[in-house]
N, C-alpha and C. Protein backbone atom coordinates (compact mmCIF):
# COMPACT_ATOMS: atom_id res chain seq x y z
N MET A 1 133.94 118.12 121.18
CA MET A 1 133.79 119.33 120.59
C MET A 1 132.83 120.12 121.85
N LYS A 2 132.44 121.26 122.82
CA LYS A 2 131.71 121.65 123.39
C LYS A 2 130.41 121.38 123.89
N PHE A 3 129.96 121.04 123.38
CA PHE A 3 128.22 120.23 123.71
C PHE A 3 128.08 119.00 123.05
N ASP A 4 129.17 118.63 122.65
CA ASP A 4 128.58 116.77 122.69
C ASP A 4 127.99 116.28 123.51
N ASP A 5 128.21 116.47 124.77
CA ASP A 5 127.48 115.86 125.98
C ASP A 5 125.66 116.35 125.80
N GLU A 6 125.51 117.64 125.54
CA GLU A 6 124.15 117.80 125.25
C GLU A 6 123.37 117.37 124.45
N LYS A 7 124.18 117.42 122.91
CA LYS A 7 123.63 116.73 121.75
C LYS A 7 123.48 115.41 122.24
N LEU A 8 123.84 114.55 123.00
CA LEU A 8 124.11 113.01 123.34
C LEU A 8 122.49 112.95 124.00
N THR A 9 122.92 114.06 125.14
CA THR A 9 120.65 113.84 126.33
C THR A 9 120.02 114.62 125.25
N ALA A 10 119.93 115.23 124.53
CA ALA A 10 118.78 115.86 123.42
C ALA A 10 118.65 114.65 122.62
N SER A 11 119.54 113.72 121.96
CA SER A 11 118.83 112.65 121.41
C SER A 11 118.60 111.85 122.31
N LEU A 12 119.24 111.45 123.26
CA LEU A 12 118.26 110.29 124.33
C LEU A 12 116.98 110.63 124.49
N ALA A 13 117.08 111.97 125.07
CA ALA A 13 115.72 112.73 125.57
C ALA A 13 114.13 112.66 124.75
N ALA A 14 115.01 112.83 123.49
CA ALA A 14 113.72 112.88 122.55
C ALA A 14 113.26 111.72 121.97
N LEU A 15 114.36 110.26 122.66
CA LEU A 15 113.78 108.95 122.28
C LEU A 15 113.18 108.73 123.46
N PHE A 16 113.58 108.56 124.28
CA PHE A 16 112.91 107.89 125.76
C PHE A 16 111.42 109.39 125.85
N GLY A 17 111.64 110.48 125.11
CA GLY A 17 110.04 111.29 125.68
C GLY A 17 109.42 110.54 124.63
N GLY A 18 109.67 110.36 123.86
CA GLY A 18 108.91 109.89 122.24
C GLY A 18 108.09 108.33 122.52
N LEU A 19 109.18 107.62 122.75
CA LEU A 19 108.45 106.46 123.98
C LEU A 19 107.64 106.63 124.78
N THR A 20 108.00 107.25 125.50
CA THR A 20 107.21 107.33 127.16
C THR A 20 105.52 107.79 126.77
N ILE A 21 105.44 108.75 125.35
CA ILE A 21 104.28 109.38 124.95
C ILE A 21 103.46 108.48 124.03
N LEU A 22 104.45 107.52 123.88
CA LEU A 22 103.86 106.24 123.02
C LEU A 22 103.18 105.38 123.90
N ILE A 23 103.99 105.14 125.18
CA ILE A 23 103.14 104.04 126.00
C ILE A 23 102.08 104.67 127.06
N ALA A 24 102.69 105.86 127.07
CA ALA A 24 100.91 106.67 127.44
C ALA A 24 100.06 106.91 127.40
N CYS A 25 100.09 106.63 126.06
CA CYS A 25 99.19 106.84 124.94
C CYS A 25 98.14 105.60 124.80
N ILE A 26 98.76 104.82 124.76
CA ILE A 26 98.25 103.63 124.55
C ILE A 26 97.28 102.86 126.22
N GLY A 27 98.40 103.35 127.13
CA GLY A 27 97.42 103.39 128.70
C GLY A 27 96.66 104.19 128.69
N LEU A 28 96.56 105.45 128.49
CA LEU A 28 94.87 106.43 128.22
C LEU A 28 93.77 105.31 127.39
N PHE A 29 94.54 104.62 125.99
CA PHE A 29 93.54 104.52 125.57
C PHE A 29 93.00 102.84 125.90
N GLY A 30 93.47 102.17 126.90
CA GLY A 30 93.10 100.96 127.38
C GLY A 30 91.88 101.86 128.63
N LEU A 31 92.32 102.90 128.90
CA LEU A 31 91.39 103.59 130.16
C LEU A 31 90.22 103.69 129.54
N ALA A 32 90.44 104.44 128.28
CA ALA A 32 89.35 104.82 127.70
C ALA A 32 88.18 103.93 127.71
N ILE A 33 89.22 102.49 126.80
CA ILE A 33 88.11 101.22 126.76
C ILE A 33 87.77 100.90 127.91
N TYR A 34 88.01 100.73 128.81
CA TYR A 34 87.69 100.21 130.13
C TYR A 34 86.37 101.10 130.42
N MET A 35 86.43 102.39 130.99
CA MET A 35 85.63 103.10 131.07
C MET A 35 84.21 103.22 130.13
N ALA A 36 84.52 103.34 128.81
CA ALA A 36 83.38 103.14 128.18
C ALA A 36 82.63 101.78 128.21
N GLU A 37 82.92 100.75 128.12
CA GLU A 37 82.82 99.62 128.60
C GLU A 37 81.89 99.14 129.86
N ASN A 38 82.55 100.48 131.17
CA ASN A 38 81.69 100.08 131.98
C ASN A 38 80.78 101.04 132.11
N ARG A 39 80.23 102.28 131.40
CA ARG A 39 79.45 103.16 131.33
C ARG A 39 78.61 102.65 130.33
N ILE A 40 78.44 101.64 129.84
CA ILE A 40 77.83 101.43 128.54
C ILE A 40 76.10 101.22 128.48
N LYS A 41 76.05 100.84 129.49
CA LYS A 41 74.49 101.45 129.83
C LYS A 41 74.07 102.59 130.28
N GLU A 42 74.80 103.58 130.67
CA GLU A 42 74.63 105.34 130.78
C GLU A 42 74.54 105.77 129.35
N ILE A 43 75.27 105.16 128.88
CA ILE A 43 75.41 105.82 127.61
C ILE A 43 74.57 105.44 126.71
N GLY A 44 74.17 104.17 126.47
CA GLY A 44 72.90 103.93 125.80
C GLY A 44 71.37 104.73 126.38
N VAL A 45 71.45 104.90 127.94
CA VAL A 45 70.54 105.41 128.29
C VAL A 45 70.17 106.67 127.88
N ARG A 46 71.53 107.33 128.26
CA ARG A 46 71.63 108.59 127.45
C ARG A 46 71.30 109.20 126.28
N LYS A 47 71.60 108.15 125.21
CA LYS A 47 71.07 107.99 124.05
C LYS A 47 69.44 108.18 123.71
N VAL A 48 68.96 107.26 124.23
CA VAL A 48 67.52 106.47 124.33
C VAL A 48 66.77 108.04 124.79
N LEU A 49 67.07 108.64 125.38
CA LEU A 49 67.07 109.88 125.72
C LEU A 49 66.87 111.33 125.07
N GLY A 50 67.67 111.29 124.63
CA GLY A 50 68.25 112.11 123.56
C GLY A 50 69.47 113.09 123.04
N ALA A 51 70.24 112.23 123.71
CA ALA A 51 72.03 113.14 123.89
C ALA A 51 72.44 112.51 122.52
N SER A 52 73.00 113.71 122.34
CA SER A 52 73.65 113.83 121.09
C SER A 52 75.21 112.52 120.87
N ALA A 53 75.86 112.68 120.30
CA ALA A 53 77.01 111.69 119.95
C ALA A 53 77.86 112.76 120.77
N MET A 54 78.09 114.13 120.60
CA MET A 54 79.20 115.73 121.02
C MET A 54 79.06 115.28 122.78
N ASN A 55 77.60 114.91 122.59
CA ASN A 55 77.28 115.15 124.25
C ASN A 55 78.19 114.02 124.92
N ILE A 56 77.53 112.97 124.46
CA ILE A 56 78.36 111.88 125.21
C ILE A 56 80.02 111.54 124.93
N THR A 57 80.17 111.63 124.12
CA THR A 57 81.92 112.22 123.94
C THR A 57 82.38 113.70 125.13
N THR A 58 81.82 114.16 124.95
CA THR A 58 82.25 115.11 126.12
C THR A 58 82.13 114.75 127.09
N LEU A 59 81.27 114.06 127.70
CA LEU A 59 81.08 113.13 128.59
C LEU A 59 82.23 112.30 129.45
N LEU A 60 82.49 111.47 127.74
CA LEU A 60 83.63 110.77 128.35
C LEU A 60 85.13 111.44 128.22
N SER A 61 85.39 112.32 127.62
CA SER A 61 86.29 112.90 127.88
C SER A 61 86.65 114.11 128.72
N ILE A 62 85.87 114.37 129.24
CA ILE A 62 85.84 114.96 130.38
C ILE A 62 86.85 114.54 131.39
N ASP A 63 86.42 114.01 131.82
CA ASP A 63 87.55 113.26 132.85
C ASP A 63 88.92 113.10 132.13
N PHE A 64 89.32 112.71 131.83
CA PHE A 64 90.73 112.41 131.11
C PHE A 64 91.39 113.80 130.93
N VAL A 65 90.10 114.87 130.41
CA VAL A 65 90.92 116.14 130.34
C VAL A 65 91.51 116.70 131.72
N ARG A 66 90.20 116.85 132.43
CA ARG A 66 90.54 116.74 134.00
C ARG A 66 92.21 116.55 133.86
N LEU A 67 92.03 115.27 134.11
CA LEU A 67 93.48 114.69 134.94
C LEU A 67 94.47 114.76 134.31
N VAL A 68 94.44 115.11 132.90
CA VAL A 68 95.91 115.75 132.05
C VAL A 68 95.69 117.35 132.60
N LEU A 69 95.02 118.11 133.00
CA LEU A 69 95.02 119.18 133.46
C LEU A 69 96.08 119.33 134.46
N ILE A 70 95.36 118.44 135.80
CA ILE A 70 96.26 118.55 136.67
C ILE A 70 97.59 118.21 137.00
N SER A 71 97.82 117.24 135.86
CA SER A 71 99.28 116.74 136.00
C SER A 71 100.26 117.40 135.39
N VAL A 72 99.69 118.87 134.41
CA VAL A 72 100.16 120.02 134.02
C VAL A 72 100.44 120.64 135.03
N VAL A 73 99.63 120.84 135.76
CA VAL A 73 99.80 121.85 136.94
C VAL A 73 100.83 121.51 138.33
N ILE A 74 100.71 120.24 138.02
CA ILE A 74 101.78 119.55 139.29
C ILE A 74 103.27 119.80 138.39
N ALA A 75 103.30 119.54 137.10
CA ALA A 75 104.48 119.21 136.27
C ALA A 75 105.32 120.24 135.64
N SER A 76 104.70 121.34 135.52
CA SER A 76 105.49 122.88 135.28
C SER A 76 105.87 123.29 136.15
N PRO A 77 105.55 123.42 137.51
CA PRO A 77 106.31 123.84 138.28
C PRO A 77 107.93 122.85 138.35
N LEU A 78 107.65 122.17 138.66
CA LEU A 78 109.32 121.21 138.62
C LEU A 78 109.82 121.17 137.83
N GLY A 79 109.27 121.28 136.20
CA GLY A 79 109.85 121.66 135.05
C GLY A 79 110.84 122.43 135.23
N TRP A 80 110.25 123.45 135.65
CA TRP A 80 110.46 125.07 135.47
C TRP A 80 112.01 124.90 136.46
N TRP A 81 111.98 124.58 137.85
CA TRP A 81 112.97 124.54 138.46
C TRP A 81 114.44 123.52 138.04
N ALA A 82 113.56 122.18 137.49
CA ALA A 82 114.91 121.50 136.73
C ALA A 82 115.88 122.17 135.85
N MET A 83 114.89 122.77 134.99
CA MET A 83 115.58 123.54 133.83
C MET A 83 116.18 124.61 134.27
N ASN A 84 115.72 125.45 135.49
CA ASN A 84 116.80 126.33 135.93
C ASN A 84 118.02 125.60 136.34
N LYS A 85 117.86 124.63 137.16
CA LYS A 85 118.88 124.39 137.44
C LYS A 85 120.02 124.04 136.56
N TRP A 86 119.42 123.33 135.58
CA TRP A 86 120.18 122.40 134.41
C TRP A 86 120.90 124.21 133.88
N LEU A 87 119.90 125.09 133.58
CA LEU A 87 120.73 126.05 133.02
C LEU A 87 121.64 127.08 133.70
N GLN A 88 121.75 126.91 134.93
CA GLN A 88 122.88 127.02 136.17
C GLN A 88 124.23 126.22 135.55
N GLY A 89 124.29 125.90 135.15
CA GLY A 89 125.33 125.49 134.39
C GLY A 89 126.60 126.07 133.32
N PHE A 90 125.70 126.68 132.86
CA PHE A 90 125.70 127.72 131.41
C PHE A 90 126.06 128.63 131.80
N PRO A 91 127.01 129.56 131.63
CA PRO A 91 127.54 130.69 131.28
C PRO A 91 126.66 131.71 131.17
N TYR A 92 126.30 131.62 129.71
CA TYR A 92 125.70 132.56 129.27
C TYR A 92 123.66 131.80 129.05
N ARG A 93 122.67 132.24 129.41
CA ARG A 93 121.73 131.17 129.75
C ARG A 93 120.62 132.37 129.21
N VAL A 94 119.28 131.64 128.88
CA VAL A 94 117.96 132.28 128.22
C VAL A 94 117.10 132.32 129.83
N SER A 95 116.27 133.24 129.75
CA SER A 95 115.39 132.78 130.78
C SER A 95 114.22 131.58 130.06
N ILE A 96 113.08 131.06 130.80
CA ILE A 96 112.29 130.14 130.54
C ILE A 96 110.85 130.98 130.01
N SER A 97 110.49 131.03 129.49
CA SER A 97 109.34 131.81 129.30
C SER A 97 108.19 130.77 129.78
N PRO A 98 106.78 131.27 130.31
CA PRO A 98 105.73 130.30 130.77
C PRO A 98 105.04 130.33 129.30
N LEU A 99 105.33 130.67 128.15
CA LEU A 99 104.24 130.39 127.16
C LEU A 99 104.53 128.42 126.77
N ILE A 100 106.05 128.40 126.89
CA ILE A 100 106.58 126.99 126.92
C ILE A 100 105.92 126.09 127.59
N PHE A 101 105.55 126.13 128.68
CA PHE A 101 104.85 125.44 130.12
C PHE A 101 103.31 124.83 129.07
N VAL A 102 102.48 126.67 128.88
CA VAL A 102 101.64 126.67 128.51
C VAL A 102 101.02 125.73 126.79
N ALA A 103 102.11 126.12 126.25
CA ALA A 103 102.63 125.25 124.83
C ALA A 103 102.52 123.69 125.01
N ALA A 104 103.53 123.32 125.80
CA ALA A 104 103.43 121.62 126.60
C ALA A 104 102.35 121.20 126.91
N GLY A 105 101.53 122.03 128.40
CA GLY A 105 100.15 121.55 128.67
C GLY A 105 98.82 121.60 127.43
N GLY A 106 98.86 122.58 126.20
CA GLY A 106 98.00 122.66 125.28
C GLY A 106 98.54 121.23 124.51
N LEU A 107 99.04 120.82 124.28
CA LEU A 107 99.91 119.60 123.46
C LEU A 107 99.55 118.63 124.26
N ALA A 108 99.65 118.29 125.20
CA ALA A 108 99.04 117.60 126.28
C ALA A 108 97.94 116.72 126.27
N VAL A 109 97.23 117.99 126.18
CA VAL A 109 95.25 117.73 126.34
C VAL A 109 94.82 117.40 125.11
N LEU A 110 95.96 117.89 123.72
CA LEU A 110 95.28 117.79 123.11
C LEU A 110 96.05 115.81 121.93
N ILE A 111 97.11 115.62 122.98
CA ILE A 111 97.37 114.58 122.84
C ILE A 111 96.48 113.28 123.55
N ALA A 112 95.68 113.87 124.36
CA ALA A 112 94.72 113.07 125.36
C ALA A 112 93.39 113.31 124.61
N LEU A 113 93.27 114.13 124.35
CA LEU A 113 91.67 114.00 123.07
C LEU A 113 91.85 113.18 121.83
N LEU A 114 92.59 113.19 121.10
CA LEU A 114 92.94 112.75 120.14
C LEU A 114 93.18 111.14 120.60
N THR A 115 93.15 110.78 121.29
CA THR A 115 93.89 109.16 122.17
C THR A 115 91.69 108.88 122.74
N VAL A 116 91.34 109.59 122.98
CA VAL A 116 90.29 109.28 123.75
C VAL A 116 89.27 108.91 123.25
N SER A 117 89.04 110.01 121.85
CA SER A 117 88.14 110.84 121.04
C SER A 117 87.97 109.45 120.35
N TYR A 118 88.89 108.91 119.84
CA TYR A 118 88.31 107.62 118.82
C TYR A 118 87.39 106.59 119.63
N GLN A 119 87.94 106.11 120.65
CA GLN A 119 87.03 105.09 121.80
C GLN A 119 85.20 106.00 122.24
N ALA A 120 85.49 107.17 122.51
CA ALA A 120 84.50 108.20 122.75
C ALA A 120 83.43 108.06 121.99
N LEU A 121 83.92 108.39 120.64
CA LEU A 121 83.08 108.31 119.58
C LEU A 121 82.39 107.13 118.94
N LYS A 122 83.34 105.79 119.57
CA LYS A 122 82.59 104.74 119.05
C LYS A 122 81.50 103.91 119.99
N ALA A 123 81.79 104.44 121.40
CA ALA A 123 81.01 104.30 122.01
C ALA A 123 79.64 104.97 121.92
N ALA A 124 79.88 106.40 121.59
CA ALA A 124 78.33 107.23 121.44
C ALA A 124 77.66 107.04 120.16
N LEU A 125 78.02 106.28 119.35
CA LEU A 125 77.78 105.90 117.77
C LEU A 125 77.32 104.30 118.16
N ALA A 126 77.42 103.81 118.85
CA ALA A 126 77.25 102.25 119.09
C ALA A 126 75.26 102.23 119.18
N ASN A 127 74.87 101.47 118.87
CA ASN A 127 73.40 100.99 119.05
C ASN A 127 73.08 101.40 120.16
N PRO A 128 71.86 102.05 120.86
CA PRO A 128 72.02 101.70 122.37
C PRO A 128 70.66 100.39 122.87
N VAL A 129 70.22 100.55 121.92
CA VAL A 129 68.90 98.88 122.20
C VAL A 129 69.74 97.61 122.43
N ARG A 130 71.19 97.71 121.66
CA ARG A 130 72.00 96.09 122.02
C ARG A 130 72.62 96.25 122.92
N ASN A 131 72.71 97.47 123.37
CA ASN A 131 73.54 97.39 125.02
C ASN A 131 72.69 97.46 125.96
N LEU A 132 71.44 97.77 126.00
CA LEU A 132 70.65 98.58 127.16
C LEU A 132 69.95 96.43 127.05
N ARG A 133 70.05 95.78 126.12
CA ARG A 133 68.90 94.33 126.02
C ARG A 133 70.17 93.42 126.89
N THR A 134 71.58 93.62 127.34
CA THR A 134 72.24 92.74 127.69
C THR A 134 72.05 92.03 128.63
N GLU A 135 70.78 91.90 129.07
CA GLU A 135 70.62 91.73 130.81
C GLU A 135 69.57 90.93 131.04
């Protein structure tokens, strides 16, 4: 058939893309655990001084969101260039909408927030007295 190669490429890209996202989420989760553990005393002091769980979760999550946004800004032009190069091989092609890259960036931020928010909430809801007493 005419598009058998593209169908095979699409199925392999979906498989390896899903695997890449899973590995990235596991790494992001490990990094969130490491950062929360390193900042456990800071979180305890902030809780004692009256910070809410939402404030602490935002404090821990904003660094990850910033990194994901930087990666989206770097990856979007590269993705647009690669897609245009690939589409030049077809006689009939469609234009690539910037909305696709905005949606992909939003999905990446959402995945990062879901991955990090569990550990951030766990650190925010921990007993600050126990964390501050460990020295």
